[in-house]
Amino acid sequence: MLPLAPEGYPFILVPLAAGVLAAAFGYWPVAAVLWLVAAFCVAFFRDPARASGAPPAAILAPADGRVCLVGASPSSVVELGLPVQVSIFMSPANVHVNRAPVAGTVREARYSRGRHFPAFQDKSSDANEHSFVLLDSAQGPVAFKQVAGTLARRVVCDLVAGQRVERGQRVGIIKFSSRVDLFLPAGVELHVAEGERTRAGVTVVASFPAEAGLPA
């Protein structure tokens, strides 16, 4: 059976049940459309198991999708000692479950309401609905931001301050098209470029330098 994110069950069961009701009254075209919607939601909310054999110094992708930005972080994040930004855009066809890029303790986890600009636009990072998580790992701080897109209206973050997380652990989901911004400290070695594809909890986005702690 295809593993599903629990957040998706209302989106699947409601059109599925409505389709059954429509079919019972003979509205087969309506039922077919509703069942197609349910099938789309099943595909969207899939939650496959992920594992990585990457070395301890590796920083993993927090999201499935396409790298849409590799560059400098906004000033508010630079002040936290995280000057490098890698953004991953998720289309509706991607798995939308997000995973922790490193193991560590949650220093900060906050949610902000906002607008719904297209997620691939730079201004969406601060203007749109989003959650921001700052992790303290053994090799330094790492942060990520879940950003809602045009279609998305709900960012789900499962983390709270003080919580311990493991690298690759499921940390939340964004419903429908969206993006995740990853913020990294200076000195990391980047392993992705704009346009490349990533898989959450599998793709190595960057590595801490050997002197940061554990060997690379």
Protein backbone atom coordinates (compact mmCIF):
# COMPACT_ATOMS: atom_id res chain seq x y z
CA MET A 1 0.00 0.00 0.00
CA LEU A 2 1.26 3.47 -0.90
CA PRO A 3 2.30 5.33 2.30
CA LEU A 4 0.29 8.54 2.67
CA ALA A 5 0.83 11.64 4.76
CA PRO A 6 -1.97 11.84 7.35
CA GLU A 7 -2.62 15.48 6.41
CA GLY A 8 -3.93 14.22 3.08
CA TYR A 9 -6.78 11.99 4.27
CA PRO A 10 -9.48 14.72 4.30
CA PHE A 11 -8.50 15.75 0.76
CA ILE A 12 -8.76 12.12 -0.38
CA LEU A 13 -11.79 10.85 1.52
CA VAL A 14 -14.13 13.81 0.91
CA PRO A 15 -14.09 13.66 -2.94
CA LEU A 16 -14.01 9.86 -2.79
CA ALA A 17 -17.17 9.74 -0.66
CA ALA A 18 -18.82 12.48 -2.71
CA GLY A 19 -18.09 10.47 -5.85
CA VAL A 20 -19.75 7.40 -4.36
CA LEU A 21 -22.81 9.50 -3.47
CA ALA A 22 -22.94 11.02 -6.98
CA ALA A 23 -22.70 7.55 -8.54
CA ALA A 24 -25.52 6.27 -6.31
CA PHE A 25 -27.80 8.93 -7.79
CA GLY A 26 -26.67 8.22 -11.34
CA TYR A 27 -24.42 11.27 -11.82
CA TRP A 28 -21.57 9.27 -13.31
CA PRO A 29 -19.69 12.18 -15.00
CA VAL A 30 -19.65 14.04 -11.68
CA ALA A 31 -18.54 10.89 -9.87
CA ALA A 32 -15.72 10.37 -12.34
CA VAL A 33 -14.42 13.92 -11.82
CA LEU A 34 -14.55 13.54 -8.04
CA TRP A 35 -12.70 10.23 -8.19
CA LEU A 36 -10.03 11.82 -10.38
CA VAL A 37 -9.60 14.55 -7.76
CA ALA A 38 -9.24 11.87 -5.07
CA ALA A 39 -6.68 10.00 -7.19
CA PHE A 40 -4.67 13.21 -7.67
CA CYS A 41 -4.67 13.80 -3.92
CA VAL A 42 -3.48 10.24 -3.30
CA ALA A 43 -0.52 10.91 -5.60
CA PHE A 44 0.13 14.33 -4.07
CA PHE A 45 0.11 13.20 -0.45
CA ARG A 46 2.31 10.14 -0.95
CA ASP A 47 4.90 9.77 1.79
CA PRO A 48 7.59 7.28 0.67
CA ALA A 49 10.18 6.01 3.12
CA ARG A 50 13.58 7.63 2.68
CA ALA A 51 17.07 6.69 3.92
CA SER A 52 20.55 8.03 3.24
CA GLY A 53 24.00 6.54 3.61
CA ALA A 54 25.65 9.95 3.30
CA PRO A 55 28.57 10.75 5.66
CA PRO A 56 27.84 12.64 8.91
CA ALA A 57 29.09 15.95 7.48
CA ALA A 58 26.53 15.87 4.67
CA ILE A 59 23.57 18.27 4.67
CA LEU A 60 20.56 16.67 2.99
CA ALA A 61 17.83 18.25 0.88
CA PRO A 62 14.76 19.16 2.96
CA ALA A 63 12.44 18.83 -0.04
CA ASP A 64 11.82 17.09 -3.35
CA GLY A 65 11.92 19.39 -6.35
CA ARG A 66 14.13 21.63 -8.47
CA VAL A 67 16.83 23.94 -7.14
CA CYS A 68 15.62 27.42 -8.13
CA LEU A 69 18.17 29.52 -6.26
CA VAL A 70 21.71 29.21 -4.96
CA GLY A 71 22.94 32.50 -3.55
CA ALA A 72 23.08 34.86 -0.60
CA SER A 73 20.61 34.70 2.29
CA PRO A 74 18.51 37.73 3.27
CA SER A 75 20.09 40.01 5.86
CA SER A 76 17.85 38.78 8.68
CA VAL A 77 19.21 35.26 8.22
CA VAL A 78 22.81 36.37 7.60
CA GLU A 79 22.69 37.84 11.11
CA LEU A 80 22.18 34.29 12.42
CA GLY A 81 25.46 33.21 10.82
CA LEU A 82 23.78 31.63 7.79
CA PRO A 83 24.85 33.58 4.67
CA VAL A 84 24.24 30.82 2.08
CA GLN A 85 20.77 30.08 0.68
CA VAL A 86 19.61 27.12 -1.41
CA SER A 87 15.95 27.18 -2.47
CA ILE A 88 14.01 24.17 -3.79
CA PHE A 89 10.76 24.65 -5.72
CA MET A 90 8.16 21.87 -5.43
CA SER A 91 5.61 21.43 -8.21
CA PRO A 92 2.28 19.64 -7.54
CA ALA A 93 3.87 16.47 -8.98
CA ASN A 94 6.58 16.32 -6.29
CA VAL A 95 6.40 14.62 -2.91
CA HIS A 96 5.60 17.47 -0.50
CA VAL A 97 6.72 15.90 2.77
CA ASN A 98 9.70 17.82 4.16
CA ARG A 99 12.63 16.31 6.05
CA ALA A 100 15.32 17.59 8.42
CA PRO A 101 18.54 18.49 6.58
CA VAL A 102 20.74 17.77 9.64
CA ALA A 103 20.47 16.18 13.06
CA GLY A 104 20.23 18.61 15.93
CA THR A 105 18.07 20.49 18.41
CA VAL A 106 15.39 22.97 17.38
CA ARG A 107 16.45 26.40 18.65
CA GLU A 108 13.52 28.21 17.05
CA ALA A 109 10.33 27.21 15.24
CA ARG A 110 7.83 29.89 14.23
CA TYR A 111 4.93 30.30 11.80
CA SER A 112 3.99 33.47 9.89
CA ARG A 113 0.84 34.20 7.93
CA GLY A 114 1.27 35.96 4.61
CA ARG A 115 0.48 36.37 0.94
CA HIS A 116 0.47 33.71 -1.78
CA PHE A 117 2.80 34.86 -4.54
CA PRO A 118 4.11 32.13 -6.88
CA ALA A 119 6.62 30.12 -4.83
CA PHE A 120 9.40 30.43 -7.44
CA GLN A 121 9.50 34.23 -7.01
CA ASP A 122 12.16 35.53 -4.61
CA LYS A 123 9.70 37.80 -2.78
CA SER A 124 7.60 34.79 -1.78
CA SER A 125 10.20 33.74 0.81
CA ASP A 126 9.34 36.61 3.18
CA ALA A 127 5.93 37.76 1.91
CA ASN A 128 4.14 34.40 1.74
CA GLU A 129 2.79 32.19 4.49
CA HIS A 130 5.77 30.31 5.91
CA SER A 131 7.39 28.54 8.83
CA PHE A 132 10.99 29.11 9.91
CA VAL A 133 13.04 26.50 11.78
CA LEU A 134 16.54 27.02 13.17
CA LEU A 135 18.49 23.87 14.08
CA ASP A 136 21.64 23.62 16.19
CA SER A 137 23.68 20.69 14.89
CA ALA A 138 27.00 19.34 16.16
CA GLN A 139 28.72 21.14 13.28
CA GLY A 140 26.93 24.44 13.36
CA PRO A 141 23.51 26.03 12.82
CA VAL A 142 21.29 25.26 9.83
CA ALA A 143 17.85 26.73 9.13
CA PHE A 144 15.06 26.07 6.69
CA LYS A 145 11.87 27.86 5.73
CA GLN A 146 8.71 26.19 4.38
CA VAL A 147 7.09 28.66 1.99
CA ALA A 148 3.52 28.37 0.70
CA GLY A 149 2.90 29.07 -2.98
CA THR A 150 0.00 30.31 -5.10
CA LEU A 151 -2.11 27.19 -4.61
CA ALA A 152 -0.89 26.28 -1.14
CA ARG A 153 -2.85 27.61 1.80
CA ARG A 154 -1.40 25.60 4.64
CA VAL A 155 2.12 25.06 5.88
CA VAL A 156 2.43 22.26 8.41
CA CYS A 157 5.53 22.15 10.63
CA ASP A 158 5.70 19.39 13.25
CA LEU A 159 8.63 20.85 15.20
CA VAL A 160 8.77 22.86 18.43
CA ALA A 161 11.64 24.63 20.18
CA GLY A 162 13.81 22.29 22.24
CA GLN A 163 12.91 19.20 20.21
CA ARG A 164 15.64 16.81 19.05
CA VAL A 165 15.48 15.75 15.40
CA GLU A 166 17.46 13.28 13.34
CA ARG A 167 18.75 13.94 9.83
CA GLY A 168 16.16 12.88 7.27
CA GLN A 169 13.34 12.83 9.83
CA ARG A 170 9.91 13.89 8.59
CA VAL A 171 9.32 17.45 9.85
CA GLY A 172 6.18 18.60 8.06
CA ILE A 173 4.44 19.14 4.74
CA ILE A 174 3.24 22.00 2.52
CA LYS A 175 -0.06 21.41 0.76
CA PHE A 176 0.25 21.91 -3.01
CA SER A 177 2.87 23.94 -4.93
CA SER A 178 5.47 25.53 -2.69
CA ARG A 179 9.18 25.83 -1.91
CA VAL A 180 11.69 25.29 0.88
CA ASP A 181 14.58 27.68 1.55
CA LEU A 182 17.66 26.14 3.19
CA PHE A 183 20.09 28.48 4.99
CA LEU A 184 23.68 27.36 5.57
CA PRO A 185 26.78 28.68 7.36
CA ALA A 186 29.82 30.06 5.57
CA GLY A 187 32.44 27.51 4.57
CA VAL A 188 30.09 24.74 3.49
CA GLU A 189 30.84 22.94 0.23
CA LEU A 190 27.85 23.09 -2.11
CA HIS A 191 26.99 20.02 -4.17
CA VAL A 192 23.98 21.30 -6.14
CA ALA A 193 23.41 24.01 -8.72
CA GLU A 194 20.33 25.83 -9.98
CA GLY A 195 18.16 23.61 -12.16
CA GLU A 196 19.17 20.33 -10.50
CA ARG A 197 16.64 17.98 -8.93
CA THR A 198 16.61 16.92 -5.29
CA ARG A 199 14.99 14.25 -3.13
CA ALA A 200 14.21 15.04 0.50
CA GLY A 201 16.35 13.07 2.92
CA VAL A 202 18.51 11.63 0.13
CA THR A 203 20.21 14.28 -2.02
CA VAL A 204 23.36 15.80 -0.50
CA VAL A 205 22.98 19.55 -0.92
CA ALA A 206 26.17 20.58 0.89
CA SER A 207 28.82 19.38 3.34
CA PHE A 208 30.27 20.92 6.47
CA PRO A 209 34.05 21.40 6.33
CA ALA A 210 36.01 18.71 8.17
CA GLU A 211 37.15 21.15 10.83
CA ALA A 212 33.54 21.93 11.79
CA GLY A 213 33.25 18.74 13.80
CA LEU A 214 32.70 15.25 12.49
CA PRO A 215 34.93 14.10 9.62
CA ALA A 216 33.61 14.67 6.12
